[in-house]
Amino acid sequence: MKMIQFHPASLLLGLAVGVGFVMLTSQTGALTTIPTMRVEAGPHPRDMIQINEGTPYVVPPGKYFVLTGLGRIEQAGSAILRVNGQAEVSSFVNFGNNGVYWSSSQNTTSIVAAPNGFTAHWGSTLEVVTTGTAPHDGRAWGYLADR
């Protein structure tokens, strides 16, 4: 029976190559990291709110109301969102108060998307009012977000 003999230089060279390979692959991260991704979703349906003209809405504790749209079913006149009695947002640019304004790019609807970032803090009373003749059909749409 013949014994296996190790050549010291070959053994050292083999170990050096093996250690180098392990260090090289650990530096790249390709084999050791799992890519992550951030997924954002819209509000849960239970948090979506529609405020009808004539029915004030109080933002619940610990929440913000995020406005997404404002308008009315009829095209004549403007819709205004009041926060604690102050006019804050109007659906038409030609309405003259100190609120935030925007208008529809087309005249086919009087319901338009809200400007980004408009929120009302918890405890605020929100109400929609319209100008012009009846019907008083103003609406505001949005959702509740956690504080």
Protein backbone atom coordinates (compact mmCIF):
# COMPACT_ATOMS: atom_id res chain seq x y z
CA MET A 1 0.00 0.00 0.00
CA LYS A 2 1.38 3.33 -1.06
CA MET A 3 1.09 6.39 1.21
CA ILE A 4 -0.10 9.73 -0.17
CA GLN A 5 2.56 12.37 0.10
CA PHE A 6 1.94 16.12 0.05
CA HIS A 7 4.33 18.46 -1.65
CA PRO A 8 4.65 21.50 0.71
CA ALA A 9 4.85 24.13 -2.05
CA SER A 10 1.77 22.71 -3.84
CA LEU A 11 -0.15 22.58 -0.58
CA LEU A 12 0.63 26.23 0.18
CA LEU A 13 -0.23 27.32 -3.37
CA GLY A 14 -3.56 25.45 -3.22
CA LEU A 15 -4.47 27.03 0.11
CA ALA A 16 -3.55 30.51 -1.17
CA VAL A 17 -5.72 30.10 -4.28
CA GLY A 18 -8.64 28.76 -2.21
CA VAL A 19 -8.48 31.58 0.34
CA GLY A 20 -8.15 34.14 -2.46
CA PHE A 21 -11.24 32.77 -4.21
CA VAL A 22 -13.29 32.91 -1.00
CA MET A 23 -12.21 36.49 -0.32
CA LEU A 24 -12.90 37.58 -3.89
CA THR A 25 -16.44 36.20 -3.95
CA SER A 26 -17.26 37.61 -0.54
CA GLN A 27 -16.21 41.12 -1.67
CA THR A 28 -18.51 41.24 -4.70
CA GLY A 29 -21.64 40.60 -2.69
CA ALA A 30 -23.25 38.93 -5.68
CA LEU A 31 -23.48 35.61 -3.91
CA THR A 32 -24.15 36.90 -0.41
CA THR A 33 -26.78 39.66 -0.73
CA ILE A 34 -30.42 39.45 -1.63
CA PRO A 35 -31.73 42.47 -3.53
CA THR A 36 -34.42 44.42 -1.71
CA MET A 37 -37.19 46.52 -3.17
CA ARG A 38 -39.58 49.05 -1.72
CA VAL A 39 -43.23 48.53 -2.59
CA GLU A 40 -45.69 51.31 -1.97
CA ALA A 41 -49.42 50.85 -2.09
CA GLY A 42 -52.33 53.23 -2.04
CA PRO A 43 -54.67 53.72 0.87
CA HIS A 44 -56.80 50.87 2.16
CA PRO A 45 -60.41 51.15 0.94
CA ARG A 46 -61.66 51.59 4.53
CA ASP A 47 -59.59 54.81 4.72
CA MET A 48 -61.12 56.41 1.60
CA ILE A 49 -63.47 59.29 2.39
CA GLN A 50 -66.05 61.24 0.40
CA ILE A 51 -67.32 64.46 1.96
CA ASN A 52 -70.68 65.65 0.64
CA GLU A 53 -71.77 69.25 0.74
CA GLY A 54 -73.96 69.91 3.77
CA THR A 55 -72.37 67.11 5.84
CA PRO A 56 -69.26 68.30 7.72
CA TYR A 57 -66.58 65.70 8.47
CA VAL A 58 -64.25 65.68 11.49
CA VAL A 59 -60.84 64.05 10.94
CA PRO A 60 -60.49 61.25 13.52
CA PRO A 61 -57.76 61.27 16.21
CA GLY A 62 -54.33 60.13 15.07
CA LYS A 63 -55.11 60.63 11.36
CA TYR A 64 -54.55 63.11 8.56
CA PHE A 65 -57.02 63.69 5.75
CA VAL A 66 -55.25 63.74 2.38
CA LEU A 67 -57.29 65.52 -0.29
CA THR A 68 -57.28 63.84 -3.72
CA GLY A 69 -60.15 65.56 -5.55
CA LEU A 70 -62.71 68.34 -5.26
CA GLY A 71 -65.62 69.45 -7.40
CA ARG A 72 -69.29 69.11 -8.09
CA ILE A 73 -71.57 67.13 -10.32
CA GLU A 74 -72.95 70.15 -12.13
CA GLN A 75 -70.40 72.19 -14.08
CA ALA A 76 -71.66 75.66 -13.15
CA GLY A 77 -69.94 77.32 -10.17
CA SER A 78 -67.06 76.37 -7.91
CA ALA A 79 -66.53 73.92 -5.08
CA ILE A 80 -64.60 75.03 -2.01
CA LEU A 81 -63.15 72.94 0.80
CA ARG A 82 -63.25 74.70 4.17
CA VAL A 83 -61.05 73.58 7.05
CA ASN A 84 -62.33 74.79 10.42
CA GLY A 85 -64.44 77.41 8.62
CA GLN A 86 -61.59 78.82 6.49
CA ALA A 87 -61.68 78.41 2.70
CA GLU A 88 -58.51 76.45 1.88
CA VAL A 89 -58.99 74.90 -1.57
CA SER A 90 -61.12 75.86 -4.56
CA SER A 91 -61.79 73.76 -7.64
CA PHE A 92 -61.53 76.70 -10.05
CA VAL A 93 -58.71 79.17 -10.47
CA ASN A 94 -60.99 82.18 -10.86
CA PHE A 95 -62.48 81.95 -7.38
CA GLY A 96 -61.11 84.84 -5.32
CA ASN A 97 -60.02 83.91 -1.81
CA ASN A 98 -56.66 83.25 -0.20
CA GLY A 99 -56.72 79.48 -0.58
CA VAL A 100 -54.90 77.10 -2.90
CA TYR A 101 -56.22 77.07 -6.46
CA TRP A 102 -56.18 74.74 -9.42
CA SER A 103 -58.45 74.09 -12.35
CA SER A 104 -59.34 71.37 -14.78
CA SER A 105 -57.43 71.41 -18.06
CA GLN A 106 -60.66 70.59 -19.89
CA ASN A 107 -64.18 71.90 -19.50
CA THR A 108 -65.71 68.42 -19.56
CA THR A 109 -65.81 68.00 -15.79
CA SER A 110 -65.88 70.12 -12.69
CA ILE A 111 -64.25 67.41 -10.55
CA VAL A 112 -60.50 67.77 -10.60
CA ALA A 113 -57.48 66.22 -8.89
CA ALA A 114 -56.19 68.02 -5.82
CA PRO A 115 -52.79 69.67 -5.61
CA ASN A 116 -50.16 67.33 -4.12
CA GLY A 117 -49.55 67.57 -0.42
CA PHE A 118 -52.77 69.13 0.89
CA THR A 119 -53.65 67.56 4.25
CA ALA A 120 -55.82 68.39 7.23
CA HIS A 121 -54.75 67.44 10.76
CA TRP A 122 -56.86 65.28 13.10
CA GLY A 123 -59.63 67.18 14.84
CA SER A 124 -60.14 69.50 11.86
CA THR A 125 -63.69 70.00 10.63
CA LEU A 126 -63.95 69.75 6.84
CA GLU A 127 -66.89 70.95 4.80
CA VAL A 128 -67.57 71.46 1.13
CA VAL A 129 -69.53 74.47 -0.13
CA THR A 130 -70.43 75.50 -3.66
CA THR A 131 -71.03 78.81 -5.35
CA GLY A 132 -73.69 79.49 -7.91
CA THR A 133 -77.18 78.13 -8.12
CA ALA A 134 -78.58 74.90 -6.72
CA PRO A 135 -78.14 71.98 -6.65
CA HIS A 136 -75.61 72.09 -3.86
CA ASP A 137 -73.72 69.01 -4.96
CA GLY A 138 -70.12 69.70 -3.95
CA ARG A 139 -67.89 66.76 -3.10
CA ALA A 140 -64.38 66.25 -1.74
CA TRP A 141 -62.53 62.95 -2.04
CA GLY A 142 -59.52 61.80 -0.11
CA TYR A 143 -58.20 59.26 2.33
CA LEU A 144 -57.08 59.00 5.93
CA ALA A 145 -53.38 58.50 6.64
CA ASP A 146 -51.68 57.70 9.91
CA ARG A 147 -49.97 60.52 11.72
